Amino acid sequence: LTDTGNGINEKYTRVFQDGVVSIEMAQNILVIKTVSGMAMAVAAA
């Protein structure tokens, strides 16, 4: 996720879009559910 060059924002966006299943709020905590195995990649994005 740290490649330099063009398209890096697109790469982060794609990982985020492909990995996220749902976003829920609990007061000031945001809980993001992801596809199994994708939480760390989505968190990096």
PDB file of all heavy atoms in Angstrom:
ATOM      1  N   LEU A   1       0.826  -1.208   0.000  1.00  0.00           N
ATOM      2  CA  LEU A   1       0.000   0.000   0.000  1.00  0.00           C
ATOM      3  C   LEU A   1       0.857   1.253   0.000  1.00  0.00           C
ATOM      4  O   LEU A   1       0.339   2.351   0.044  1.00  0.00           O
ATOM      5  CB  LEU A   1      -0.920   0.014   1.221  1.00  0.00           C
ATOM      6  CG  LEU A   1      -1.994  -1.050   1.244  1.00  0.00           C
ATOM      7  CD1 LEU A   1      -2.793  -0.978   2.533  1.00  0.00           C
ATOM      8  CD2 LEU A   1      -2.912  -0.914   0.054  1.00  0.00           C
ATOM      9  N   THR A   2       2.171   1.091  -0.030  1.00  0.00           N
ATOM     10  CA  THR A   2       3.058   2.245   0.037  1.00  0.00           C
ATOM     11  C   THR A   2       3.836   2.459  -1.238  1.00  0.00           C
ATOM     12  O   THR A   2       4.803   3.182  -1.236  1.00  0.00           O
ATOM     13  CB  THR A   2       4.048   2.094   1.213  1.00  0.00           C
ATOM     14  OG1 THR A   2       4.786   0.888   1.032  1.00  0.00           O
ATOM     15  CG2 THR A   2       3.334   2.078   2.537  1.00  0.00           C
ATOM     16  N   ASP A   3       3.420   1.814  -2.339  1.00  0.00           N
ATOM     17  CA  ASP A   3       4.084   2.067  -3.618  1.00  0.00           C
ATOM     18  C   ASP A   3       4.025   3.554  -3.923  1.00  0.00           C
ATOM     19  O   ASP A   3       3.022   4.206  -3.667  1.00  0.00           O
ATOM     20  CB  ASP A   3       3.392   1.324  -4.768  1.00  0.00           C
ATOM     21  CG  ASP A   3       3.746  -0.148  -4.804  1.00  0.00           C
ATOM     22  OD1 ASP A   3       4.718  -0.540  -4.140  1.00  0.00           O
ATOM     23  OD2 ASP A   3       3.039  -0.892  -5.499  1.00  0.00           O
ATOM     24  N   THR A   4       5.098   4.066  -4.469  1.00  0.00           N
ATOM     25  CA  THR A   4       5.083   5.468  -4.876  1.00  0.00           C
ATOM     26  C   THR A   4       4.672   5.549  -6.329  1.00  0.00           C
ATOM     27  O   THR A   4       4.730   4.588  -7.061  1.00  0.00           O
ATOM     28  CB  THR A   4       6.480   6.103  -4.693  1.00  0.00           C
ATOM     29  OG1 THR A   4       7.413   5.322  -5.436  1.00  0.00           O
ATOM     30  CG2 THR A   4       6.868   6.141  -3.235  1.00  0.00           C
ATOM     31  N   GLY A   5       4.252   6.692  -6.711  1.00  0.00           N
ATOM     32  CA  GLY A   5       3.876   6.873  -8.111  1.00  0.00           C
ATOM     33  C   GLY A   5       2.404   7.187  -8.238  1.00  0.00           C
ATOM     34  O   GLY A   5       1.682   7.351  -7.277  1.00  0.00           O
ATOM     35  N   ASN A   6       1.976   7.262  -9.470  1.00  0.00           N
ATOM     36  CA  ASN A   6       0.590   7.607  -9.763  1.00  0.00           C
ATOM     37  C   ASN A   6      -0.345   6.494  -9.340  1.00  0.00           C
ATOM     38  O   ASN A   6       0.013   5.331  -9.340  1.00  0.00           O
ATOM     39  CB  ASN A   6       0.423   7.883 -11.256  1.00  0.00           C
ATOM     40  CG  ASN A   6       1.201   9.088 -11.697  1.00  0.00           C
ATOM     41  OD1 ASN A   6       1.486   9.964 -10.886  1.00  0.00           O
ATOM     42  ND2 ASN A   6       1.556   9.131 -12.965  1.00  0.00           N
ATOM     43  N   GLY A   7      -1.562   6.872  -8.990  1.00  0.00           N
ATOM     44  CA  GLY A   7      -2.575   5.878  -8.701  1.00  0.00           C
ATOM     45  C   GLY A   7      -2.613   5.390  -7.264  1.00  0.00           C
ATOM     46  O   GLY A   7      -3.399   4.517  -6.948  1.00  0.00           O
ATOM     47  N   ILE A   8      -1.768   5.925  -6.381  1.00  0.00           N
ATOM     48  CA  ILE A   8      -1.753   5.411  -5.016  1.00  0.00           C
ATOM     49  C   ILE A   8      -3.059   5.722  -4.302  1.00  0.00           C
ATOM     50  O   ILE A   8      -3.590   4.872  -3.602  1.00  0.00           O
ATOM     51  CB  ILE A   8      -0.519   5.903  -4.222  1.00  0.00           C
ATOM     52  CG1 ILE A   8      -0.401   5.139  -2.899  1.00  0.00           C
ATOM     53  CG2 ILE A   8      -0.570   7.394  -3.951  1.00  0.00           C
ATOM     54  CD1 ILE A   8      -0.140   3.683  -3.052  1.00  0.00           C
ATOM     55  N   ASN A   9      -3.610   6.922  -4.498  1.00  0.00           N
ATOM     56  CA  ASN A   9      -4.894   7.226  -3.879  1.00  0.00           C
ATOM     57  C   ASN A   9      -5.980   6.313  -4.414  1.00  0.00           C
ATOM     58  O   ASN A   9      -6.868   5.890  -3.680  1.00  0.00           O
ATOM     59  CB  ASN A   9      -5.263   8.691  -4.081  1.00  0.00           C
ATOM     60  CG  ASN A   9      -4.388   9.609  -3.255  1.00  0.00           C
ATOM     61  OD1 ASN A   9      -3.843   9.204  -2.240  1.00  0.00           O
ATOM     62  ND2 ASN A   9      -4.242  10.833  -3.706  1.00  0.00           N
ATOM     63  N   GLU A  10      -5.898   6.000  -5.698  1.00  0.00           N
ATOM     64  CA  GLU A  10      -6.864   5.077  -6.298  1.00  0.00           C
ATOM     65  C   GLU A  10      -6.734   3.691  -5.690  1.00  0.00           C
ATOM     66  O   GLU A  10      -7.726   3.006  -5.472  1.00  0.00           O
ATOM     67  CB  GLU A  10      -6.653   5.018  -7.811  1.00  0.00           C
ATOM     68  CG  GLU A  10      -7.000   6.326  -8.500  1.00  0.00           C
ATOM     69  CD  GLU A  10      -6.500   6.370  -9.934  1.00  0.00           C
ATOM     70  OE1 GLU A  10      -6.068   5.325 -10.463  1.00  0.00           O
ATOM     71  OE2 GLU A  10      -6.530   7.459 -10.516  1.00  0.00           O
ATOM     72  N   LYS A  11      -5.502   3.276  -5.404  1.00  0.00           N
ATOM     73  CA  LYS A  11      -5.278   1.960  -4.806  1.00  0.00           C
ATOM     74  C   LYS A  11      -5.893   1.904  -3.408  1.00  0.00           C
ATOM     75  O   LYS A  11      -6.587   0.955  -3.059  1.00  0.00           O
ATOM     76  CB  LYS A  11      -3.790   1.644  -4.733  1.00  0.00           C
ATOM     77  CG  LYS A  11      -3.503   0.226  -4.247  1.00  0.00           C
ATOM     78  CD  LYS A  11      -2.029  -0.055  -4.091  1.00  0.00           C
ATOM     79  CE  LYS A  11      -1.314  -0.086  -5.400  1.00  0.00           C
ATOM     80  NZ  LYS A  11       0.074  -0.586  -5.284  1.00  0.00           N
ATOM     81  N   TYR A  12      -5.650   2.923  -2.602  1.00  0.00           N
ATOM     82  CA  TYR A  12      -6.237   2.973  -1.261  1.00  0.00           C
ATOM     83  C   TYR A  12      -7.758   2.971  -1.342  1.00  0.00           C
ATOM     84  O   TYR A  12      -8.430   2.265  -0.599  1.00  0.00           O
ATOM     85  CB  TYR A  12      -5.785   4.235  -0.508  1.00  0.00           C
ATOM     86  CG  TYR A  12      -4.361   4.198  -0.026  1.00  0.00           C
ATOM     87  CD1 TYR A  12      -3.504   5.255  -0.292  1.00  0.00           C
ATOM     88  CD2 TYR A  12      -3.879   3.134   0.737  1.00  0.00           C
ATOM     89  CE1 TYR A  12      -2.199   5.244   0.170  1.00  0.00           C
ATOM     90  CE2 TYR A  12      -2.572   3.128   1.194  1.00  0.00           C
ATOM     91  CZ  TYR A  12      -1.740   4.184   0.914  1.00  0.00           C
ATOM     92  OH  TYR A  12      -0.457   4.176   1.376  1.00  0.00           O
ATOM     93  N   THR A  13      -8.286   3.761  -2.233  1.00  0.00           N
ATOM     94  CA  THR A  13      -9.739   3.847  -2.386  1.00  0.00           C
ATOM     95  C   THR A  13     -10.311   2.502  -2.804  1.00  0.00           C
ATOM     96  O   THR A  13     -11.318   2.052  -2.271  1.00  0.00           O
ATOM     97  CB  THR A  13     -10.105   4.929  -3.426  1.00  0.00           C
ATOM     98  OG1 THR A  13      -9.588   6.178  -2.975  1.00  0.00           O
ATOM     99  CG2 THR A  13     -11.603   5.037  -3.609  1.00  0.00           C
ATOM    100  N   ARG A  14      -9.645   1.838  -3.735  1.00  0.00           N
ATOM    101  CA  ARG A  14     -10.117   0.531  -4.203  1.00  0.00           C
ATOM    102  C   ARG A  14     -10.095  -0.503  -3.077  1.00  0.00           C
ATOM    103  O   ARG A  14     -11.049  -1.257  -2.901  1.00  0.00           O
ATOM    104  CB  ARG A  14      -9.280   0.059  -5.388  1.00  0.00           C
ATOM    105  CG  ARG A  14      -9.837  -1.167  -6.069  1.00  0.00           C
ATOM    106  CD  ARG A  14      -9.078  -1.541  -7.333  1.00  0.00           C
ATOM    107  NE  ARG A  14      -7.684  -1.863  -7.048  1.00  0.00           N
ATOM    108  CZ  ARG A  14      -6.633  -1.122  -7.430  1.00  0.00           C
ATOM    109  NH1 ARG A  14      -6.820  -0.013  -8.117  1.00  0.00           N
ATOM    110  NH2 ARG A  14      -5.405  -1.479  -7.150  1.00  0.00           N
ATOM    111  N   VAL A  15      -9.024  -0.532  -2.286  1.00  0.00           N
ATOM    112  CA  VAL A  15      -8.937  -1.465  -1.151  1.00  0.00           C
ATOM    113  C   VAL A  15     -10.059  -1.164  -0.164  1.00  0.00           C
ATOM    114  O   VAL A  15     -10.742  -2.074   0.316  1.00  0.00           O
ATOM    115  CB  VAL A  15      -7.558  -1.387  -0.460  1.00  0.00           C
ATOM    116  CG1 VAL A  15      -7.573  -2.101   0.884  1.00  0.00           C
ATOM    117  CG2 VAL A  15      -6.483  -1.975  -1.361  1.00  0.00           C
ATOM    118  N   PHE A  16     -10.293   0.112   0.107  1.00  0.00           N
ATOM    119  CA  PHE A  16     -11.350   0.507   1.033  1.00  0.00           C
ATOM    120  C   PHE A  16     -12.721   0.093   0.490  1.00  0.00           C
ATOM    121  O   PHE A  16     -13.513  -0.541   1.184  1.00  0.00           O
ATOM    122  CB  PHE A  16     -11.303   2.023   1.270  1.00  0.00           C
ATOM    123  CG  PHE A  16     -12.217   2.484   2.370  1.00  0.00           C
ATOM    124  CD1 PHE A  16     -11.841   2.370   3.694  1.00  0.00           C
ATOM    125  CD2 PHE A  16     -13.458   3.026   2.080  1.00  0.00           C
ATOM    126  CE1 PHE A  16     -12.683   2.783   4.722  1.00  0.00           C
ATOM    127  CE2 PHE A  16     -14.306   3.444   3.084  1.00  0.00           C
ATOM    128  CZ  PHE A  16     -13.920   3.324   4.409  1.00  0.00           C
ATOM    129  N   GLN A  17     -12.972   0.419  -0.764  1.00  0.00           N
ATOM    130  CA  GLN A  17     -14.273   0.093  -1.364  1.00  0.00           C
ATOM    131  C   GLN A  17     -14.502  -1.412  -1.465  1.00  0.00           C
ATOM    132  O   GLN A  17     -15.606  -1.892  -1.206  1.00  0.00           O
ATOM    133  CB  GLN A  17     -14.400   0.726  -2.755  1.00  0.00           C
ATOM    134  CG  GLN A  17     -14.532   2.222  -2.705  1.00  0.00           C
ATOM    135  CD  GLN A  17     -14.464   2.881  -4.072  1.00  0.00           C
ATOM    136  OE1 GLN A  17     -13.880   2.342  -5.018  1.00  0.00           O
ATOM    137  NE2 GLN A  17     -15.057   4.055  -4.178  1.00  0.00           N
ATOM    138  N   ASP A  18     -13.486  -2.157  -1.829  1.00  0.00           N
ATOM    139  CA  ASP A  18     -13.629  -3.603  -1.986  1.00  0.00           C
ATOM    140  C   ASP A  18     -13.732  -4.329  -0.649  1.00  0.00           C
ATOM    141  O   ASP A  18     -14.330  -5.395  -0.573  1.00  0.00           O
ATOM    142  CB  ASP A  18     -12.453  -4.186  -2.779  1.00  0.00           C
ATOM    143  CG  ASP A  18     -12.460  -3.790  -4.237  1.00  0.00           C
ATOM    144  OD1 ASP A  18     -13.491  -3.251  -4.706  1.00  0.00           O
ATOM    145  OD2 ASP A  18     -11.436  -4.005  -4.911  1.00  0.00           O
ATOM    146  N   GLY A  19     -13.145  -3.752   0.388  1.00  0.00           N
ATOM    147  CA  GLY A  19     -13.075  -4.452   1.660  1.00  0.00           C
ATOM    148  C   GLY A  19     -14.192  -4.171   2.640  1.00  0.00           C
ATOM    149  O   GLY A  19     -14.518  -5.010   3.479  1.00  0.00           O
ATOM    150  N   VAL A  20     -14.805  -2.991   2.566  1.00  0.00           N
ATOM    151  CA  VAL A  20     -15.794  -2.594   3.569  1.00  0.00           C
ATOM    152  C   VAL A  20     -17.154  -3.220   3.290  1.00  0.00           C
ATOM    153  O   VAL A  20     -17.656  -3.176   2.169  1.00  0.00           O
ATOM    154  CB  VAL A  20     -15.915  -1.057   3.653  1.00  0.00           C
ATOM    155  CG1 VAL A  20     -17.067  -0.642   4.560  1.00  0.00           C
ATOM    156  CG2 VAL A  20     -14.609  -0.463   4.150  1.00  0.00           C
ATOM    157  N   VAL A  21     -17.744  -3.799   4.343  1.00  0.00           N
ATOM    158  CA  VAL A  21     -19.078  -4.377   4.278  1.00  0.00           C
ATOM    159  C   VAL A  21     -20.095  -3.411   4.884  1.00  0.00           C
ATOM    160  O   VAL A  21     -21.160  -3.185   4.331  1.00  0.00           O
ATOM    161  CB  VAL A  21     -19.126  -5.740   5.012  1.00  0.00           C
ATOM    162  CG1 VAL A  21     -20.539  -6.274   5.099  1.00  0.00           C
ATOM    163  CG2 VAL A  21     -18.202  -6.740   4.340  1.00  0.00           C
ATOM    164  N   SER A  22     -19.746  -2.824   6.050  1.00  0.00           N
ATOM    165  CA  SER A  22     -20.671  -1.894   6.703  1.00  0.00           C
ATOM    166  C   SER A  22     -19.908  -0.931   7.605  1.00  0.00           C
ATOM    167  O   SER A  22     -18.784  -1.210   8.018  1.00  0.00           O
ATOM    168  CB  SER A  22     -21.717  -2.655   7.524  1.00  0.00           C
ATOM    169  OG  SER A  22     -21.109  -3.288   8.636  1.00  0.00           O
ATOM    170  N   ILE A  23     -20.570   0.196   7.889  1.00  0.00           N
ATOM    171  CA  ILE A  23     -20.029   1.209   8.789  1.00  0.00           C
ATOM    172  C   ILE A  23     -21.131   1.548   9.791  1.00  0.00           C
ATOM    173  O   ILE A  23     -22.237   1.920   9.387  1.00  0.00           O
ATOM    174  CB  ILE A  23     -19.608   2.488   8.025  1.00  0.00           C
ATOM    175  CG1 ILE A  23     -18.521   2.159   7.002  1.00  0.00           C
ATOM    176  CG2 ILE A  23     -19.148   3.566   8.994  1.00  0.00           C
ATOM    177  CD1 ILE A  23     -18.158   3.308   6.075  1.00  0.00           C
ATOM    178  N   GLU A  24     -20.828   1.400  11.073  1.00  0.00           N
ATOM    179  CA  GLU A  24     -21.806   1.695  12.127  1.00  0.00           C
ATOM    180  C   GLU A  24     -21.180   2.608  13.167  1.00  0.00           C
ATOM    181  O   GLU A  24     -19.982   2.563  13.417  1.00  0.00           O
ATOM    182  CB  GLU A  24     -22.263   0.395  12.812  1.00  0.00           C
ATOM    183  CG  GLU A  24     -22.966  -0.582  11.904  1.00  0.00           C
ATOM    184  CD  GLU A  24     -24.301  -0.074  11.390  1.00  0.00           C
ATOM    185  OE1 GLU A  24     -24.987   0.665  12.125  1.00  0.00           O
ATOM    186  OE2 GLU A  24     -24.647  -0.405  10.247  1.00  0.00           O
ATOM    187  N   MET A  25     -22.031   3.408  13.796  1.00  0.00           N
ATOM    188  CA  MET A  25     -21.601   4.320  14.858  1.00  0.00           C
ATOM    189  C   MET A  25     -22.044   3.809  16.215  1.00  0.00           C
ATOM    190  O   MET A  25     -23.128   3.259  16.349  1.00  0.00           O
ATOM    191  CB  MET A  25     -22.253   5.692  14.670  1.00  0.00           C
ATOM    192  CG  MET A  25     -21.559   6.620  13.771  1.00  0.00           C
ATOM    193  SD  MET A  25     -22.417   8.233  13.726  1.00  0.00           S
ATOM    194  CE  MET A  25     -22.657   8.599  15.438  1.00  0.00           C
ATOM    195  N   ALA A  26     -21.195   4.019  17.219  1.00  0.00           N
ATOM    196  CA  ALA A  26     -21.554   3.794  18.616  1.00  0.00           C
ATOM    197  C   ALA A  26     -20.964   4.974  19.387  1.00  0.00           C
ATOM    198  O   ALA A  26     -19.807   4.926  19.806  1.00  0.00           O
ATOM    199  CB  ALA A  26     -20.996   2.468  19.126  1.00  0.00           C
ATOM    200  N   GLN A  27     -21.762   6.034  19.486  1.00  0.00           N
ATOM    201  CA  GLN A  27     -21.298   7.298  20.078  1.00  0.00           C
ATOM    202  C   GLN A  27     -20.087   7.797  19.292  1.00  0.00           C
ATOM    203  O   GLN A  27     -20.210   8.051  18.117  1.00  0.00           O
ATOM    204  CB  GLN A  27     -21.007   7.127  21.571  1.00  0.00           C
ATOM    205  CG  GLN A  27     -22.220   6.782  22.404  1.00  0.00           C
ATOM    206  CD  GLN A  27     -23.268   7.890  22.395  1.00  0.00           C
ATOM    207  OE1 GLN A  27     -22.946   9.074  22.366  1.00  0.00           O
ATOM    208  NE2 GLN A  27     -24.529   7.510  22.395  1.00  0.00           N
ATOM    209  N   ASN A  28     -18.915   7.887  19.946  1.00  0.00           N
ATOM    210  CA  ASN A  28     -17.737   8.387  19.227  1.00  0.00           C
ATOM    211  C   ASN A  28     -16.830   7.250  18.750  1.00  0.00           C
ATOM    212  O   ASN A  28     -15.654   7.455  18.505  1.00  0.00           O
ATOM    213  CB  ASN A  28     -16.947   9.366  20.091  1.00  0.00           C
ATOM    214  CG  ASN A  28     -16.268   8.697  21.254  1.00  0.00           C
ATOM    215  OD1 ASN A  28     -16.864   7.847  21.920  1.00  0.00           O
ATOM    216  ND2 ASN A  28     -15.032   9.060  21.514  1.00  0.00           N
ATOM    217  N   ILE A  29     -17.393   6.064  18.600  1.00  0.00           N
ATOM    218  CA  ILE A  29     -16.645   4.936  18.043  1.00  0.00           C
ATOM    219  C   ILE A  29     -17.264   4.561  16.703  1.00  0.00           C
ATOM    220  O   ILE A  29     -18.474   4.416  16.590  1.00  0.00           O
ATOM    221  CB  ILE A  29     -16.659   3.730  19.003  1.00  0.00           C
ATOM    222  CG1 ILE A  29     -15.927   4.098  20.287  1.00  0.00           C
ATOM    223  CG2 ILE A  29     -16.018   2.510  18.340  1.00  0.00           C
ATOM    224  CD1 ILE A  29     -15.960   3.024  21.345  1.00  0.00           C
ATOM    225  N   LEU A  30     -16.418   4.420  15.709  1.00  0.00           N
ATOM    226  CA  LEU A  30     -16.865   3.998  14.389  1.00  0.00           C
ATOM    227  C   LEU A  30     -16.434   2.544  14.217  1.00  0.00           C
ATOM    228  O   LEU A  30     -15.257   2.216  14.366  1.00  0.00           O
ATOM    229  CB  LEU A  30     -16.225   4.875  13.319  1.00  0.00           C
ATOM    230  CG  LEU A  30     -16.841   4.855  11.935  1.00  0.00           C
ATOM    231  CD1 LEU A  30     -18.285   5.356  11.995  1.00  0.00           C
ATOM    232  CD2 LEU A  30     -16.038   5.717  10.982  1.00  0.00           C
ATOM    233  N   VAL A  31     -17.394   1.675  13.951  1.00  0.00           N
ATOM    234  CA  VAL A  31     -17.115   0.250  13.768  1.00  0.00           C
ATOM    235  C   VAL A  31     -17.285  -0.059  12.280  1.00  0.00           C
ATOM    236  O   VAL A  31     -18.364   0.128  11.721  1.00  0.00           O
ATOM    237  CB  VAL A  31     -18.055  -0.635  14.613  1.00  0.00           C
ATOM    238  CG1 VAL A  31     -17.770  -2.112  14.372  1.00  0.00           C
ATOM    239  CG2 VAL A  31     -17.915  -0.286  16.095  1.00  0.00           C
ATOM    240  N   ILE A  32     -16.205  -0.514  11.668  1.00  0.00           N
ATOM    241  CA  ILE A  32     -16.208  -0.822  10.243  1.00  0.00           C
ATOM    242  C   ILE A  32     -16.048  -2.331  10.091  1.00  0.00           C
ATOM    243  O   ILE A  32     -15.046  -2.895  10.518  1.00  0.00           O
ATOM    244  CB  ILE A  32     -15.074  -0.085   9.512  1.00  0.00           C
ATOM    245  CG1 ILE A  32     -15.213   1.428   9.709  1.00  0.00           C
ATOM    246  CG2 ILE A  32     -15.057  -0.453   8.033  1.00  0.00           C
ATOM    247  CD1 ILE A  32     -14.045   2.240   9.196  1.00  0.00           C
ATOM    248  N   LYS A  33     -17.052  -2.962   9.501  1.00  0.00           N
ATOM    249  CA  LYS A  33     -16.997  -4.396   9.211  1.00  0.00           C
ATOM    250  C   LYS A  33     -16.427  -4.569   7.812  1.00  0.00           C
ATOM    251  O   LYS A  33     -16.783  -3.825   6.890  1.00  0.00           O
ATOM    252  CB  LYS A  33     -18.397  -5.029   9.274  1.00  0.00           C
ATOM    253  CG  LYS A  33     -18.956  -5.108  10.664  1.00  0.00           C
ATOM    254  CD  LYS A  33     -18.206  -6.134  11.460  1.00  0.00           C
ATOM    255  CE  LYS A  33     -19.031  -6.604  12.638  1.00  0.00           C
ATOM    256  NZ  LYS A  33     -18.363  -7.688  13.336  1.00  0.00           N
ATOM    257  N   THR A  34     -15.557  -5.570   7.662  1.00  0.00           N
ATOM    258  CA  THR A  34     -14.920  -5.810   6.374  1.00  0.00           C
ATOM    259  C   THR A  34     -15.117  -7.259   5.946  1.00  0.00           C
ATOM    260  O   THR A  34     -15.544  -8.100   6.734  1.00  0.00           O
ATOM    261  CB  THR A  34     -13.399  -5.536   6.433  1.00  0.00           C
ATOM    262  OG1 THR A  34     -12.770  -6.557   7.218  1.00  0.00           O
ATOM    263  CG2 THR A  34     -13.091  -4.166   6.998  1.00  0.00           C
ATOM    264  N   VAL A  35     -14.742  -7.520   4.717  1.00  0.00           N
ATOM    265  CA  VAL A  35     -14.668  -8.880   4.224  1.00  0.00           C
ATOM    266  C   VAL A  35     -13.631  -9.597   5.098  1.00  0.00           C
ATOM    267  O   VAL A  35     -12.637  -8.995   5.512  1.00  0.00           O
ATOM    268  CB  VAL A  35     -14.220  -8.879   2.739  1.00  0.00           C
ATOM    269  CG1 VAL A  35     -13.983 -10.269   2.227  1.00  0.00           C
ATOM    270  CG2 VAL A  35     -15.214  -8.124   1.880  1.00  0.00           C
ATOM    271  N   SER A  36     -13.850 -10.869   5.367  1.00  0.00           N
ATOM    272  CA  SER A  36     -12.933 -11.633   6.208  1.00  0.00           C
ATOM    273  C   SER A  36     -11.495 -11.516   5.709  1.00  0.00           C
ATOM    274  O   SER A  36     -11.220 -11.675   4.527  1.00  0.00           O
ATOM    275  CB  SER A  36     -13.359 -13.103   6.221  1.00  0.00           C
ATOM    276  OG  SER A  36     -12.521 -13.842   7.071  1.00  0.00           O
ATOM    277  N   GLY A  37     -10.599 -11.190   6.635  1.00  0.00           N
ATOM    278  CA  GLY A  37      -9.186 -11.073   6.302  1.00  0.00           C
ATOM    279  C   GLY A  37      -8.754  -9.720   5.772  1.00  0.00           C
ATOM    280  O   GLY A  37      -7.572  -9.509   5.498  1.00  0.00           O
ATOM    281  N   MET A  38      -9.683  -8.785   5.632  1.00  0.00           N
ATOM    282  CA  MET A  38      -9.366  -7.497   5.010  1.00  0.00           C
ATOM    283  C   MET A  38      -9.238  -6.328   5.980  1.00  0.00           C
ATOM    284  O   MET A  38      -8.901  -5.223   5.566  1.00  0.00           O
ATOM    285  CB  MET A  38     -10.442  -7.152   3.974  1.00  0.00           C
ATOM    286  CG  MET A  38     -10.382  -7.978   2.720  1.00  0.00           C
ATOM    287  SD  MET A  38      -8.991  -7.552   1.676  1.00  0.00           S
ATOM    288  CE  MET A  38      -9.441  -5.907   1.145  1.00  0.00           C
ATOM    289  N   ALA A  39      -9.507  -6.550   7.265  1.00  0.00           N
ATOM    290  CA  ALA A  39      -9.535  -5.422   8.196  1.00  0.00           C
ATOM    291  C   ALA A  39      -8.213  -4.657   8.235  1.00  0.00           C
ATOM    292  O   ALA A  39      -8.212  -3.426   8.233  1.00  0.00           O
ATOM    293  CB  ALA A  39      -9.935  -5.885   9.591  1.00  0.00           C
ATOM    294  N   MET A  40      -7.089  -5.364   8.262  1.00  0.00           N
ATOM    295  CA  MET A  40      -5.804  -4.655   8.342  1.00  0.00           C
ATOM    296  C   MET A  40      -5.523  -3.851   7.072  1.00  0.00           C
ATOM    297  O   MET A  40      -5.013  -2.735   7.143  1.00  0.00           O
ATOM    298  CB  MET A  40      -4.678  -5.625   8.659  1.00  0.00           C
ATOM    299  CG  MET A  40      -4.833  -6.169  10.079  1.00  0.00           C
ATOM    300  SD  MET A  40      -3.457  -7.102  10.678  1.00  0.00           S
ATOM    301  CE  MET A  40      -2.245  -5.859  10.925  1.00  0.00           C
ATOM    302  N   ALA A  41      -5.869  -4.400   5.917  1.00  0.00           N
ATOM    303  CA  ALA A  41      -5.658  -3.672   4.660  1.00  0.00           C
ATOM    304  C   ALA A  41      -6.558  -2.439   4.599  1.00  0.00           C
ATOM    305  O   ALA A  41      -6.123  -1.361   4.197  1.00  0.00           O
ATOM    306  CB  ALA A  41      -5.919  -4.581   3.466  1.00  0.00           C
ATOM    307  N   VAL A  42      -7.814  -2.599   5.017  1.00  0.00           N
ATOM    308  CA  VAL A  42      -8.741  -1.459   5.019  1.00  0.00           C
ATOM    309  C   VAL A  42      -8.274  -0.417   6.035  1.00  0.00           C
ATOM    310  O   VAL A  42      -8.340   0.784   5.769  1.00  0.00           O
ATOM    311  CB  VAL A  42     -10.184  -1.924   5.291  1.00  0.00           C
ATOM    312  CG1 VAL A  42     -11.110  -0.734   5.520  1.00  0.00           C
ATOM    313  CG2 VAL A  42     -10.692  -2.773   4.135  1.00  0.00           C
ATOM    314  N   ALA A  43      -7.778  -0.862   7.195  1.00  0.00           N
ATOM    315  CA  ALA A  43      -7.276   0.087   8.200  1.00  0.00           C
ATOM    316  C   ALA A  43      -6.075   0.860   7.646  1.00  0.00           C
ATOM    317  O   ALA A  43      -5.956   2.068   7.866  1.00  0.00           O
ATOM    318  CB  ALA A  43      -6.905  -0.639   9.485  1.00  0.00           C
ATOM    319  N   ALA A  44      -5.201   0.183   6.915  1.00  0.00           N
ATOM    320  CA  ALA A  44      -4.064   0.866   6.298  1.00  0.00           C
ATOM    321  C   ALA A  44      -4.549   1.888   5.278  1.00  0.00           C
ATOM    322  O   ALA A  44      -4.021   3.003   5.190  1.00  0.00           O
ATOM    323  CB  ALA A  44      -3.125  -0.149   5.643  1.00  0.00           C
ATOM    324  N   ALA A  45      -5.560   1.524   4.502  1.00  0.00           N
ATOM    325  CA  ALA A  45      -6.135   2.463   3.540  1.00  0.00           C
ATOM    326  C   ALA A  45      -6.751   3.652   4.264  1.00  0.00           C
ATOM    327  O   ALA A  45      -6.569   4.805   3.871  1.00  0.00           O
ATOM    328  CB  ALA A  45      -7.178   1.768   2.669  1.00  0.00           C
TER     329      ALA A  45
END
